[in-house]
Amino acid sequence: MTAEQWLADLEAKAKAATPGPWEIGVCLDRGMIRQRDGSILAYCRLTTDDDIHNAAFISSATPETVLRLVGMVRFLAFSAARSRGLFMDPAYWIDTAYVTTEKLHG
């Protein structure tokens, strides 16, 4: 998968997902990721601090957040390409960042 394919995949999934904002609801040891109107998006157990941190992360990773991050990556790649002059193709910078982060986190 290329970097642009990865960004396009994230973008498509975000556009197809239920819009935010999302929040965490708790009932005993059971957590819920829900919309502000109360509709449930997902259930999760909240028995450890890690579970609570995971639920907080999931509730903040709304489609709007992902779309904003995808847009920022594309903007930064375009800006880098434009400022360098030598590599006018923003895909070069996206691919470079993608490969670098894959090595660090892959």
N, C-alpha and C. Protein backbone atom coordinates (compact mmCIF):
# COMPACT_ATOMS: atom_id res chain seq x y z
N MET A 1 0.84 -1.17 0.00
CA MET A 1 0.00 0.00 0.00
C MET A 1 0.89 1.24 0.00
N THR A 2 0.58 2.17 -0.88
CA THR A 2 1.33 3.42 -0.91
C THR A 2 0.79 4.37 0.15
N ALA A 3 1.52 5.43 0.40
CA ALA A 3 1.09 6.42 1.37
C ALA A 3 -0.23 7.06 0.95
N GLU A 4 -0.37 7.39 -0.32
CA GLU A 4 -1.61 8.01 -0.79
C GLU A 4 -2.78 7.04 -0.68
N GLN A 5 -2.54 5.76 -0.94
CA GLN A 5 -3.61 4.76 -0.77
C GLN A 5 -4.03 4.68 0.69
N TRP A 6 -3.05 4.73 1.59
CA TRP A 6 -3.33 4.68 3.02
C TRP A 6 -4.15 5.89 3.45
N LEU A 7 -3.74 7.09 3.00
CA LEU A 7 -4.49 8.30 3.33
C LEU A 7 -5.90 8.25 2.73
N ALA A 8 -6.01 7.78 1.50
CA ALA A 8 -7.32 7.69 0.85
C ALA A 8 -8.22 6.69 1.57
N ASP A 9 -7.64 5.59 2.05
CA ASP A 9 -8.39 4.59 2.81
C ASP A 9 -8.91 5.18 4.12
N LEU A 10 -8.04 5.88 4.85
CA LEU A 10 -8.46 6.53 6.10
C LEU A 10 -9.55 7.57 5.83
N GLU A 11 -9.36 8.33 4.77
CA GLU A 11 -10.32 9.36 4.42
C GLU A 11 -11.69 8.74 4.10
N ALA A 12 -11.70 7.67 3.31
CA ALA A 12 -12.96 7.01 2.94
C ALA A 12 -13.65 6.42 4.17
N LYS A 13 -12.88 5.80 5.06
CA LYS A 13 -13.48 5.23 6.27
C LYS A 13 -14.04 6.32 7.17
N ALA A 14 -13.34 7.43 7.28
CA ALA A 14 -13.82 8.54 8.11
C ALA A 14 -15.11 9.13 7.54
N LYS A 15 -15.17 9.26 6.23
CA LYS A 15 -16.36 9.82 5.60
C LYS A 15 -17.57 8.90 5.73
N ALA A 16 -17.32 7.58 5.81
CA ALA A 16 -18.40 6.61 5.92
C ALA A 16 -18.86 6.39 7.37
N ALA A 17 -18.06 6.82 8.34
CA ALA A 17 -18.36 6.58 9.75
C ALA A 17 -19.39 7.57 10.29
N THR A 18 -19.93 7.24 11.44
CA THR A 18 -20.88 8.12 12.13
C THR A 18 -20.15 9.39 12.57
N PRO A 19 -20.68 10.56 12.21
CA PRO A 19 -20.01 11.79 12.59
C PRO A 19 -19.95 11.98 14.11
N GLY A 20 -18.98 12.74 14.55
CA GLY A 20 -18.84 13.06 15.97
C GLY A 20 -19.68 14.27 16.31
N PRO A 21 -19.51 14.83 17.49
CA PRO A 21 -18.53 14.40 18.50
C PRO A 21 -18.99 13.12 19.22
N TRP A 22 -18.01 12.39 19.72
CA TRP A 22 -18.27 11.19 20.49
C TRP A 22 -17.85 11.43 21.93
N GLU A 23 -18.40 10.66 22.84
CA GLU A 23 -18.00 10.77 24.25
C GLU A 23 -18.07 9.40 24.90
N ILE A 24 -17.49 9.30 26.08
CA ILE A 24 -17.50 8.05 26.83
C ILE A 24 -18.63 8.10 27.84
N GLY A 25 -19.40 7.03 27.91
CA GLY A 25 -20.41 6.88 28.95
C GLY A 25 -20.05 5.67 29.78
N VAL A 26 -20.32 5.72 31.07
CA VAL A 26 -19.95 4.62 31.95
C VAL A 26 -21.16 4.17 32.75
N CYS A 27 -21.33 2.86 32.81
CA CYS A 27 -22.35 2.24 33.64
C CYS A 27 -21.70 1.03 34.29
N LEU A 28 -21.41 1.09 35.58
CA LEU A 28 -20.66 0.06 36.30
C LEU A 28 -19.30 -0.10 35.65
N ASP A 29 -18.94 -1.32 35.23
CA ASP A 29 -17.63 -1.51 34.60
C ASP A 29 -17.73 -1.57 33.08
N ARG A 30 -18.87 -1.15 32.57
CA ARG A 30 -19.09 -1.20 31.13
C ARG A 30 -19.07 0.22 30.57
N GLY A 31 -18.26 0.41 29.57
CA GLY A 31 -18.19 1.72 28.93
C GLY A 31 -18.88 1.71 27.60
N MET A 32 -19.24 2.88 27.16
CA MET A 32 -19.88 3.04 25.86
C MET A 32 -19.24 4.22 25.16
N ILE A 33 -18.97 4.06 23.89
CA ILE A 33 -18.61 5.20 23.07
C ILE A 33 -19.92 5.60 22.41
N ARG A 34 -20.34 6.83 22.62
CA ARG A 34 -21.64 7.24 22.12
C ARG A 34 -21.58 8.65 21.56
N GLN A 35 -22.59 8.95 20.79
CA GLN A 35 -22.73 10.31 20.30
C GLN A 35 -23.37 11.15 21.39
N ARG A 36 -23.31 12.44 21.23
CA ARG A 36 -23.88 13.33 22.25
C ARG A 36 -25.39 13.12 22.40
N ASP A 37 -26.05 12.64 21.35
CA ASP A 37 -27.49 12.40 21.46
C ASP A 37 -27.79 11.11 22.21
N GLY A 38 -26.74 10.40 22.64
CA GLY A 38 -26.92 9.19 23.44
C GLY A 38 -26.88 7.89 22.65
N SER A 39 -26.92 7.96 21.32
CA SER A 39 -26.89 6.73 20.54
C SER A 39 -25.52 6.05 20.70
N ILE A 40 -25.55 4.74 20.88
CA ILE A 40 -24.35 3.96 21.19
C ILE A 40 -23.62 3.59 19.90
N LEU A 41 -22.30 3.84 19.88
CA LEU A 41 -21.46 3.46 18.75
C LEU A 41 -20.69 2.17 19.05
N ALA A 42 -20.30 1.98 20.31
CA ALA A 42 -19.53 0.79 20.68
C ALA A 42 -19.59 0.60 22.20
N TYR A 43 -19.45 -0.65 22.62
CA TYR A 43 -19.35 -0.98 24.03
C TYR A 43 -17.93 -1.41 24.33
N CYS A 44 -17.47 -1.16 25.54
CA CYS A 44 -16.15 -1.62 25.94
C CYS A 44 -16.13 -1.79 27.46
N ARG A 45 -15.27 -2.68 27.92
CA ARG A 45 -15.12 -2.87 29.37
C ARG A 45 -14.17 -1.82 29.89
N LEU A 46 -14.48 -1.30 31.04
CA LEU A 46 -13.64 -0.28 31.66
C LEU A 46 -13.24 -0.77 33.05
N THR A 47 -12.35 -1.76 33.08
CA THR A 47 -11.95 -2.34 34.35
C THR A 47 -10.55 -1.93 34.78
N THR A 48 -9.76 -1.38 33.88
CA THR A 48 -8.41 -0.94 34.22
C THR A 48 -8.19 0.48 33.71
N ASP A 49 -7.13 1.11 34.20
CA ASP A 49 -6.79 2.44 33.69
C ASP A 49 -6.52 2.41 32.19
N ASP A 50 -5.89 1.32 31.71
CA ASP A 50 -5.63 1.20 30.27
C ASP A 50 -6.94 1.20 29.48
N ASP A 51 -7.96 0.50 29.99
CA ASP A 51 -9.25 0.48 29.32
C ASP A 51 -9.83 1.89 29.22
N ILE A 52 -9.71 2.64 30.28
CA ILE A 52 -10.24 4.00 30.29
C ILE A 52 -9.47 4.87 29.31
N HIS A 53 -8.14 4.73 29.28
CA HIS A 53 -7.33 5.51 28.33
C HIS A 53 -7.67 5.12 26.89
N ASN A 54 -7.87 3.82 26.64
CA ASN A 54 -8.24 3.36 25.29
C ASN A 54 -9.58 3.93 24.87
N ALA A 55 -10.55 3.92 25.77
CA ALA A 55 -11.87 4.46 25.46
C ALA A 55 -11.79 5.96 25.19
N ALA A 56 -10.97 6.67 25.95
CA ALA A 56 -10.80 8.10 25.73
C ALA A 56 -10.19 8.36 24.36
N PHE A 57 -9.21 7.54 23.98
CA PHE A 57 -8.59 7.70 22.66
C PHE A 57 -9.62 7.43 21.56
N ILE A 58 -10.35 6.34 21.67
CA ILE A 58 -11.33 5.98 20.64
C ILE A 58 -12.37 7.09 20.50
N SER A 59 -12.83 7.63 21.62
CA SER A 59 -13.86 8.67 21.55
C SER A 59 -13.33 9.96 20.94
N SER A 60 -12.00 10.17 20.98
CA SER A 60 -11.45 11.39 20.37
C SER A 60 -11.08 11.19 18.90
N ALA A 61 -11.02 9.95 18.44
CA ALA A 61 -10.64 9.66 17.05
C ALA A 61 -11.88 9.67 16.16
N THR A 62 -12.58 10.78 16.16
CA THR A 62 -13.81 10.91 15.37
C THR A 62 -13.46 11.05 13.89
N PRO A 63 -14.44 10.87 13.02
CA PRO A 63 -14.19 11.08 11.59
C PRO A 63 -13.63 12.48 11.30
N GLU A 64 -14.13 13.48 12.00
CA GLU A 64 -13.64 14.84 11.78
C GLU A 64 -12.16 14.94 12.12
N THR A 65 -11.74 14.29 13.20
CA THR A 65 -10.33 14.31 13.61
C THR A 65 -9.46 13.65 12.55
N VAL A 66 -9.88 12.49 12.07
CA VAL A 66 -9.10 11.77 11.06
C VAL A 66 -9.03 12.58 9.77
N LEU A 67 -10.14 13.15 9.34
CA LEU A 67 -10.14 13.96 8.12
C LEU A 67 -9.23 15.17 8.26
N ARG A 68 -9.21 15.77 9.45
CA ARG A 68 -8.34 16.91 9.67
C ARG A 68 -6.87 16.50 9.61
N LEU A 69 -6.54 15.36 10.20
CA LEU A 69 -5.15 14.87 10.15
C LEU A 69 -4.73 14.52 8.73
N VAL A 70 -5.61 13.87 7.97
CA VAL A 70 -5.30 13.56 6.57
C VAL A 70 -5.05 14.85 5.79
N GLY A 71 -5.91 15.84 6.01
CA GLY A 71 -5.73 17.13 5.35
C GLY A 71 -4.42 17.81 5.73
N MET A 72 -4.05 17.70 7.01
CA MET A 72 -2.80 18.31 7.46
C MET A 72 -1.60 17.63 6.82
N VAL A 73 -1.63 16.30 6.72
CA VAL A 73 -0.52 15.58 6.08
C VAL A 73 -0.37 16.02 4.64
N ARG A 74 -1.48 16.10 3.93
CA ARG A 74 -1.43 16.52 2.53
C ARG A 74 -0.96 17.97 2.40
N PHE A 75 -1.43 18.83 3.28
CA PHE A 75 -1.00 20.24 3.24
C PHE A 75 0.49 20.36 3.51
N LEU A 76 1.00 19.66 4.52
CA LEU A 76 2.42 19.72 4.84
C LEU A 76 3.27 19.16 3.72
N ALA A 77 2.80 18.09 3.08
CA ALA A 77 3.53 17.53 1.95
C ALA A 77 3.57 18.52 0.79
N PHE A 78 2.44 19.17 0.53
CA PHE A 78 2.40 20.18 -0.53
C PHE A 78 3.33 21.33 -0.20
N SER A 79 3.31 21.78 1.06
CA SER A 79 4.17 22.89 1.48
C SER A 79 5.65 22.53 1.36
N ALA A 80 6.00 21.32 1.76
CA ALA A 80 7.40 20.88 1.65
C ALA A 80 7.82 20.83 0.19
N ALA A 81 6.96 20.28 -0.66
CA ALA A 81 7.29 20.19 -2.08
C ALA A 81 7.46 21.58 -2.69
N ARG A 82 6.57 22.47 -2.34
CA ARG A 82 6.61 23.82 -2.90
C ARG A 82 7.84 24.59 -2.42
N SER A 83 8.19 24.44 -1.15
CA SER A 83 9.33 25.20 -0.62
C SER A 83 10.67 24.66 -1.11
N ARG A 84 10.74 23.37 -1.46
CA ARG A 84 12.00 22.78 -1.92
C ARG A 84 12.27 23.08 -3.39
N GLY A 85 11.21 23.16 -4.17
CA GLY A 85 11.39 23.47 -5.58
C GLY A 85 11.93 22.31 -6.40
N LEU A 86 12.75 21.47 -5.81
CA LEU A 86 13.34 20.35 -6.54
C LEU A 86 12.36 19.20 -6.71
N PHE A 87 11.58 18.96 -5.68
CA PHE A 87 10.62 17.86 -5.70
C PHE A 87 9.21 18.47 -5.66
N MET A 88 8.70 18.77 -6.82
CA MET A 88 7.41 19.45 -6.89
C MET A 88 6.23 18.52 -6.60
N ASP A 89 6.47 17.23 -6.50
CA ASP A 89 5.39 16.29 -6.29
C ASP A 89 5.18 16.05 -4.79
N PRO A 90 4.04 16.50 -4.22
CA PRO A 90 3.78 16.29 -2.80
C PRO A 90 3.80 14.81 -2.41
N ALA A 91 3.48 13.92 -3.36
CA ALA A 91 3.48 12.49 -3.05
C ALA A 91 4.87 12.02 -2.60
N TYR A 92 5.92 12.66 -3.10
CA TYR A 92 7.28 12.31 -2.66
C TYR A 92 7.40 12.48 -1.16
N TRP A 93 6.90 13.61 -0.63
CA TRP A 93 7.02 13.90 0.79
C TRP A 93 6.10 13.01 1.61
N ILE A 94 4.91 12.72 1.10
CA ILE A 94 4.01 11.81 1.81
C ILE A 94 4.64 10.43 1.88
N ASP A 95 5.18 9.95 0.75
CA ASP A 95 5.81 8.63 0.73
C ASP A 95 7.02 8.57 1.65
N THR A 96 7.83 9.63 1.67
CA THR A 96 9.00 9.68 2.54
C THR A 96 8.59 9.60 4.01
N ALA A 97 7.57 10.38 4.39
CA ALA A 97 7.09 10.34 5.78
C ALA A 97 6.50 8.98 6.11
N TYR A 98 5.76 8.41 5.18
CA TYR A 98 5.12 7.10 5.39
C TYR A 98 6.17 6.02 5.62
N VAL A 99 7.17 5.97 4.75
CA VAL A 99 8.23 4.96 4.87
C VAL A 99 8.99 5.14 6.18
N THR A 100 9.30 6.36 6.52
CA THR A 100 10.03 6.65 7.76
C THR A 100 9.25 6.20 8.98
N THR A 101 7.95 6.53 9.02
CA THR A 101 7.15 6.14 10.18
C THR A 101 6.88 4.64 10.21
N GLU A 102 6.81 4.00 9.06
CA GLU A 102 6.67 2.54 9.04
C GLU A 102 7.88 1.88 9.69
N LYS A 103 9.06 2.41 9.43
CA LYS A 103 10.27 1.87 10.03
C LYS A 103 10.27 2.06 11.53
N LEU A 104 9.76 3.20 11.99
CA LEU A 104 9.73 3.48 13.42
C LEU A 104 8.65 2.71 14.15
N HIS A 105 7.49 2.54 13.52
CA HIS A 105 6.34 1.94 14.19
C HIS A 105 5.86 0.64 13.58
N GLY A 106 6.48 0.21 12.51
CA GLY A 106 6.01 -0.98 11.80
C GLY A 106 6.53 -2.24 12.33
